[in-house]
N, C-alpha and C. Protein backbone atom coordinates (compact mmCIF):
# COMPACT_ATOMS: atom_id res chain seq x y z
N MET A 1 25.87 13.37 -7.33
CA MET A 1 24.63 12.25 -7.79
C MET A 1 24.62 11.93 -9.13
N SER A 2 24.05 10.81 -9.31
CA SER A 2 23.94 10.72 -10.67
C SER A 2 22.75 11.80 -11.62
N ASP A 3 23.12 11.92 -12.84
CA ASP A 3 22.00 12.56 -13.38
C ASP A 3 20.51 12.59 -13.65
N TYR A 4 20.23 11.07 -13.67
CA TYR A 4 19.21 10.58 -13.68
C TYR A 4 18.63 10.19 -12.77
N LEU A 5 19.33 10.51 -10.85
CA LEU A 5 19.01 10.10 -9.83
C LEU A 5 18.04 11.79 -9.48
N ILE A 6 18.86 12.97 -9.91
CA ILE A 6 18.07 14.06 -9.77
C ILE A 6 17.03 14.86 -10.80
N LYS A 7 16.84 13.70 -12.09
CA LYS A 7 15.62 14.04 -12.52
C LYS A 7 14.65 12.90 -12.26
N THR A 8 14.78 12.28 -11.56
CA THR A 8 13.96 11.20 -11.22
C THR A 8 13.20 12.18 -9.53
N LYS A 9 14.39 11.92 -9.11
CA LYS A 9 14.04 13.18 -7.74
C LYS A 9 13.15 14.41 -8.41
N ASN A 10 13.42 15.44 -9.43
CA ASN A 10 12.82 16.28 -9.83
C ASN A 10 11.00 15.57 -10.19
N PHE A 11 10.93 15.02 -10.95
CA PHE A 11 10.09 14.01 -11.44
C PHE A 11 8.81 13.65 -10.47
N ILE A 12 9.66 12.04 -9.55
CA ILE A 12 8.70 13.28 -8.23
C ILE A 12 7.99 13.68 -7.44
N LYS A 13 9.27 15.10 -7.98
CA LYS A 13 8.05 16.04 -7.15
C LYS A 13 7.12 16.80 -7.79
N GLU A 14 7.25 16.17 -9.36
CA GLU A 14 6.07 16.78 -9.92
C GLU A 14 4.74 16.02 -9.80
N LEU A 15 4.89 14.43 -9.85
CA LEU A 15 4.10 13.41 -9.49
C LEU A 15 3.33 14.14 -7.95
N GLU A 16 4.14 15.02 -7.24
CA GLU A 16 3.25 15.09 -5.90
C GLU A 16 2.56 16.31 -6.27
N LYS A 17 2.86 16.92 -7.21
CA LYS A 17 1.88 17.32 -7.81
C LYS A 17 0.41 17.75 -8.23
N GLU A 18 0.01 16.03 -8.37
CA GLU A 18 -1.19 15.97 -9.11
C GLU A 18 -1.69 15.54 -8.09
N ASP A 19 -2.90 15.74 -8.46
CA ASP A 19 -4.38 15.42 -7.29
C ASP A 19 -4.58 14.74 -7.12
N ALA A 20 -4.02 13.65 -8.12
CA ALA A 20 -4.73 11.87 -7.12
C ALA A 20 -3.39 11.51 -6.10
N TYR A 21 -2.20 12.82 -5.98
CA TYR A 21 -0.85 12.18 -5.20
C TYR A 21 -1.17 13.35 -4.26
N ILE A 22 -1.98 14.58 -4.00
CA ILE A 22 -2.50 15.28 -3.30
C ILE A 22 -4.31 14.49 -2.45
N GLU A 23 -4.52 14.60 -3.30
CA GLU A 23 -5.79 13.68 -2.09
C GLU A 23 -5.62 12.14 -1.77
N PHE A 24 -4.67 11.37 -2.10
CA PHE A 24 -4.29 10.74 -1.50
C PHE A 24 -4.03 10.45 -0.33
N MET A 25 -3.18 11.94 0.29
CA MET A 25 -2.25 12.35 1.02
C MET A 25 -2.81 12.69 2.05
N ASN A 26 -4.13 12.92 1.18
CA ASN A 26 -4.97 14.22 2.94
C ASN A 26 -5.29 13.36 3.12
N TYR A 27 -6.30 12.11 2.38
CA TYR A 27 -7.36 10.77 2.99
C TYR A 27 -6.07 9.89 4.13
N LYS A 28 -5.00 9.60 3.94
CA LYS A 28 -3.86 8.79 4.32
C LYS A 28 -4.20 9.92 6.04
N LYS A 29 -3.38 10.92 5.92
CA LYS A 29 -3.07 12.05 7.37
C LYS A 29 -4.52 11.94 7.93
N ILE A 30 -5.84 11.15 8.32
CA ILE A 30 -7.30 11.70 8.63
C ILE A 30 -7.26 10.19 9.42
N VAL A 31 -6.57 9.47 7.61
CA VAL A 31 -6.98 8.10 8.49
C VAL A 31 -6.19 7.31 9.42
N GLU A 32 -4.49 8.15 9.21
CA GLU A 32 -3.46 7.95 10.55
C GLU A 32 -3.51 8.10 11.65
N LYS A 33 -5.10 9.18 12.12
CA LYS A 33 -5.33 9.70 12.78
C LYS A 33 -5.93 8.99 14.33
N ASP A 34 -7.09 7.63 12.80
CA ASP A 34 -7.59 7.12 13.80
C ASP A 34 -7.02 5.41 13.69
N ILE A 35 -5.86 5.45 14.82
CA ILE A 35 -5.11 3.82 14.63
C ILE A 35 -6.67 2.81 14.50
N SER A 36 -8.04 2.68 15.13
CA SER A 36 -8.55 1.47 14.53
C SER A 36 -9.46 1.24 13.45
N LEU A 37 -9.31 2.70 12.78
CA LEU A 37 -9.74 2.29 11.52
C LEU A 37 -9.16 2.71 10.32
N LYS A 38 -7.65 2.80 10.78
CA LYS A 38 -6.20 3.09 9.73
C LYS A 38 -5.63 1.09 9.96
N ASN A 39 -5.55 -0.07 11.21
CA ASN A 39 -5.47 -1.40 11.23
C ASN A 39 -6.58 -1.53 10.65
N LYS A 40 -7.90 -1.27 10.59
CA LYS A 40 -9.20 -2.40 9.33
C LYS A 40 -8.87 -1.90 8.24
N LEU A 41 -8.53 -0.93 7.73
CA LEU A 41 -8.43 -0.72 6.61
C LEU A 41 -7.34 -1.62 5.59
N GLU A 42 -6.03 -1.43 6.56
CA GLU A 42 -5.02 -2.50 6.33
C GLU A 42 -5.36 -3.60 6.11
N VAL A 43 -6.09 -4.16 7.21
CA VAL A 43 -6.48 -5.76 6.96
C VAL A 43 -7.21 -5.87 5.76
N TYR A 44 -8.15 -5.23 5.39
CA TYR A 44 -9.08 -5.61 4.95
C TYR A 44 -8.01 -4.74 3.21
N MET A 45 -7.10 -4.47 2.93
CA MET A 45 -6.64 -3.95 2.51
C MET A 45 -5.36 -4.58 1.90
N LYS A 46 -4.81 -5.80 2.44
CA LYS A 46 -3.80 -7.01 1.88
C LYS A 46 -4.81 -7.95 1.65
N ARG A 47 -5.95 -8.19 2.78
CA ARG A 47 -6.46 -9.06 2.22
C ARG A 47 -7.50 -9.31 0.35
N ARG A 48 -7.74 -8.30 0.37
CA ARG A 48 -7.97 -7.96 -1.06
C ARG A 48 -6.71 -8.05 -1.71
N PHE A 49 -5.60 -7.45 -1.72
CA PHE A 49 -4.77 -7.37 -2.28
C PHE A 49 -4.39 -9.19 -2.80
N GLU A 50 -4.17 -9.63 -0.94
CA GLU A 50 -3.95 -11.15 -1.62
C GLU A 50 -4.79 -11.80 -2.28
N LEU A 51 -6.34 -11.59 -2.42
CA LEU A 51 -7.18 -12.88 -3.43
C LEU A 51 -6.45 -11.70 -4.67
N GLN A 52 -6.32 -10.62 -5.18
CA GLN A 52 -6.15 -9.75 -5.97
C GLN A 52 -4.58 -10.75 -6.79
N VAL A 53 -4.29 -10.87 -5.87
CA VAL A 53 -2.34 -11.76 -6.75
C VAL A 53 -2.61 -13.36 -6.46
N ASN A 54 -3.70 -13.71 -6.03
CA ASN A 54 -2.78 -14.36 -6.25
C ASN A 54 -4.18 -15.72 -6.91
N GLY A 55 -3.76 -16.45 -8.08
CA GLY A 55 -4.16 -16.94 -9.36
C GLY A 55 -4.78 -18.42 -9.16
N GLU A 56 -4.22 -19.34 -8.20
CA GLU A 56 -4.41 -20.51 -8.07
C GLU A 56 -5.88 -21.23 -7.91
N TYR A 57 -6.69 -19.82 -7.58
CA TYR A 57 -8.33 -20.44 -7.44
C TYR A 57 -8.80 -20.36 -8.46
N GLY A 58 -8.21 -20.11 -9.69
CA GLY A 58 -8.95 -19.80 -11.02
C GLY A 58 -9.28 -18.42 -10.92
N GLU A 59 -9.98 -17.36 -11.62
CA GLU A 59 -10.64 -16.27 -11.75
C GLU A 59 -11.71 -16.00 -11.51
N TYR A 60 -12.42 -17.20 -11.58
CA TYR A 60 -14.28 -17.08 -11.45
C TYR A 60 -13.93 -16.99 -9.69
N ASN A 61 -13.30 -18.17 -9.27
CA ASN A 61 -13.33 -18.61 -7.88
C ASN A 61 -13.15 -17.05 -7.41
N SER A 62 -11.68 -16.39 -7.63
CA SER A 62 -10.80 -15.51 -6.88
C SER A 62 -12.34 -14.21 -7.14
N TYR A 63 -12.79 -14.09 -8.67
CA TYR A 63 -13.82 -13.00 -8.44
C TYR A 63 -14.86 -12.98 -6.79
N GLU A 64 -15.08 -13.96 -7.30
CA GLU A 64 -16.53 -14.61 -5.53
C GLU A 64 -15.82 -14.61 -4.47
N ASN A 65 -14.41 -14.84 -4.59
CA ASN A 65 -13.70 -14.53 -3.14
C ASN A 65 -13.41 -13.13 -2.93
N LEU A 66 -13.71 -12.35 -3.76
CA LEU A 66 -12.91 -10.40 -3.94
C LEU A 66 -15.29 -10.23 -3.46
N LEU A 67 -15.67 -10.76 -3.74
CA LEU A 67 -17.02 -10.63 -3.46
C LEU A 67 -17.57 -10.74 -2.18
N ALA A 68 -17.04 -12.07 -2.11
CA ALA A 68 -17.34 -12.27 -0.20
C ALA A 68 -16.43 -10.97 0.46
N LEU A 69 -15.45 -11.16 0.41
CA LEU A 69 -14.67 -10.08 1.15
C LEU A 69 -15.32 -8.74 1.09
N GLN A 70 -16.07 -8.20 0.01
CA GLN A 70 -17.00 -7.06 0.45
C GLN A 70 -17.99 -7.17 0.96
N ARG A 71 -18.61 -8.22 1.01
CA ARG A 71 -19.85 -8.35 1.75
C ARG A 71 -19.55 -8.76 2.86
N GLU A 72 -18.57 -9.43 3.90
CA GLU A 72 -17.94 -9.03 4.85
C GLU A 72 -17.65 -7.67 5.65
N TYR A 73 -16.79 -7.11 4.61
CA TYR A 73 -16.28 -5.06 5.35
C TYR A 73 -17.48 -4.87 4.58
N GLY A 74 -19.15 -5.12 3.84
CA GLY A 74 -19.66 -4.63 3.97
C GLY A 74 -20.43 -3.03 4.69
N GLU A 75 -20.64 -3.19 6.19
CA GLU A 75 -21.18 -2.04 6.08
C GLU A 75 -19.76 -1.00 6.93
N PHE A 76 -18.90 -1.72 7.03
CA PHE A 76 -17.25 -1.35 7.27
C PHE A 76 -16.88 -0.36 5.55
N LEU A 77 -17.19 -0.63 4.37
CA LEU A 77 -16.86 0.20 3.01
C LEU A 77 -18.00 1.02 2.88
N SER A 78 -19.50 1.02 3.28
CA SER A 78 -20.34 1.61 2.91
C SER A 78 -19.82 2.90 4.57
N ASP A 79 -18.68 3.49 4.84
CA ASP A 79 -18.49 4.09 5.93
C ASP A 79 -17.57 5.63 4.54
N PRO A 80 -18.92 6.97 4.72
CA PRO A 80 -18.45 7.92 3.74
C PRO A 80 -16.32 7.79 3.51
N LEU A 81 -15.77 8.32 4.48
CA LEU A 81 -14.71 8.08 4.62
C LEU A 81 -13.79 7.63 4.10
N VAL A 82 -14.07 5.76 4.83
CA VAL A 82 -13.36 4.89 3.72
C VAL A 82 -13.19 5.23 2.65
N GLN A 83 -14.44 5.63 1.77
CA GLN A 83 -15.32 5.23 0.06
C GLN A 83 -13.96 6.30 -0.18
N LYS A 84 -14.16 7.10 0.52
CA LYS A 84 -12.98 8.83 -0.04
C LYS A 84 -11.40 7.82 -0.02
N TYR A 85 -11.31 7.04 1.22
CA TYR A 85 -9.51 6.98 0.64
C TYR A 85 -9.34 6.21 0.16
N LEU A 86 -10.17 4.87 -0.32
CA LEU A 86 -10.46 3.76 -1.29
C LEU A 86 -10.26 4.54 -3.04
N LYS A 87 -11.59 5.32 -2.68
CA LYS A 87 -11.20 5.72 -4.11
C LYS A 87 -9.58 7.02 -4.84
N ALA A 88 -9.09 7.53 -3.16
CA ALA A 88 -7.94 7.96 -3.51
C ALA A 88 -6.53 7.51 -3.69
N GLU A 89 -7.04 5.99 -3.50
CA GLU A 89 -5.70 5.15 -2.68
C GLU A 89 -5.99 4.49 -4.36
N LEU A 90 -6.36 4.17 -5.33
CA LEU A 90 -6.97 3.45 -6.11
C LEU A 90 -7.09 4.50 -7.47
N GLU A 91 -7.14 5.64 -7.38
CA GLU A 91 -6.55 6.44 -8.51
C GLU A 91 -5.16 7.11 -8.81
N PHE A 92 -5.05 7.16 -7.27
CA PHE A 92 -3.15 7.32 -7.23
C PHE A 92 -2.63 5.91 -7.04
N SER A 93 -3.25 4.88 -7.38
CA SER A 93 -2.24 3.65 -7.77
C SER A 93 -2.25 3.47 -9.15
N ARG A 94 -3.57 4.23 -9.56
CA ARG A 94 -3.44 3.94 -11.68
C ARG A 94 -2.41 5.10 -11.79
N LEU A 95 -2.55 6.19 -11.26
CA LEU A 95 -1.27 7.20 -12.04
C LEU A 95 0.76 6.45 -11.67
N ILE A 96 0.61 5.60 -10.51
CA ILE A 96 1.99 5.10 -10.28
C ILE A 96 1.69 3.83 -11.41
N SER A 97 0.72 2.90 -11.85
CA SER A 97 0.10 2.65 -12.43
C SER A 97 0.87 2.87 -14.10
N ARG A 98 0.26 3.38 -15.13
CA ARG A 98 0.95 4.54 -15.51
C ARG A 98 1.89 5.02 -15.97
N VAL A 99 2.66 5.07 -14.81
CA VAL A 99 4.04 5.80 -14.94
C VAL A 99 5.03 4.52 -14.72
N PHE A 100 4.33 3.05 -14.32
CA PHE A 100 4.98 2.53 -15.04
C PHE A 100 4.99 1.69 -16.00
N ASP A 101 3.74 1.42 -16.50
CA ASP A 101 3.66 0.96 -17.91
C ASP A 101 4.24 1.71 -19.02
N VAL A 102 4.77 2.99 -18.62
CA VAL A 102 5.44 4.05 -19.47
C VAL A 102 7.01 3.54 -19.92
N LEU A 103 7.47 3.10 -18.66
CA LEU A 103 8.87 3.32 -18.09
C LEU A 103 9.39 1.47 -18.42
N SER A 104 8.17 0.66 -19.00
CA SER A 104 8.26 -1.16 -19.08
C SER A 104 8.46 -1.02 -19.99
N LYS A 105 7.45 -0.20 -20.73
CA LYS A 105 7.36 -0.25 -22.74
C LYS A 105 8.92 1.11 -22.75
N ASN A 106 9.09 1.85 -21.78
CA ASN A 106 9.81 1.65 -22.95
C ASN A 106 11.66 2.09 -23.13
N ILE A 107 11.57 1.04 -21.99
CA ILE A 107 12.30 0.05 -21.43
C ILE A 107 13.14 -1.36 -21.62
N ASN A 108 13.57 -1.98 -22.25
CA ASN A 108 14.04 -3.19 -22.21
C ASN A 108 14.42 -4.01 -20.38
N LEU A 109 12.42 -4.15 -20.19
CA LEU A 109 12.49 -5.32 -19.39
C LEU A 109 12.36 -6.64 -19.64
N ASP A 110 12.84 -7.65 -19.24
CA ASP A 110 12.10 -8.54 -19.55
C ASP A 110 11.13 -8.56 -18.19
N LEU A 111 9.22 -8.74 -18.56
CA LEU A 111 8.09 -9.16 -17.81
C LEU A 111 8.00 -9.81 -17.99
N ALA A 112 8.45 -10.81 -18.69
CA ALA A 112 7.22 -11.69 -19.52
C ALA A 112 7.53 -12.82 -18.01
N PHE A 113 7.79 -12.74 -17.22
CA PHE A 113 7.54 -13.70 -16.10
C PHE A 113 6.18 -13.41 -16.28
N LEU A 114 5.59 -12.34 -15.87
CA LEU A 114 4.13 -11.34 -15.28
C LEU A 114 3.39 -11.78 -15.83
N LYS A 115 3.29 -12.56 -16.47
CA LYS A 115 2.01 -13.10 -17.57
C LYS A 115 1.44 -14.48 -16.83
């Protein structure tokens, strides 16, 4: 195995020690035990993701659509377990985003198409 692959696997092992990863995985296990909750979370997260990445409606409409989604799922989003899961998911996503930012800024990747 190439040295960089070994180092990458070791880096992943280090990431798995981070609080954000541990907390997310703990809540993920809890949520996966409740199929109905898991399915509803997946639908909500998919719709939220689609609204966040779909820029064809403009920034204002995208924001309004996200607010409408939050109102639609208001009762669901008020569940403490859902709140904790989504908070843990957000923190883990931020961790991965910071890692990707460091990679993309230090490796000559052409990401201009993302703008």
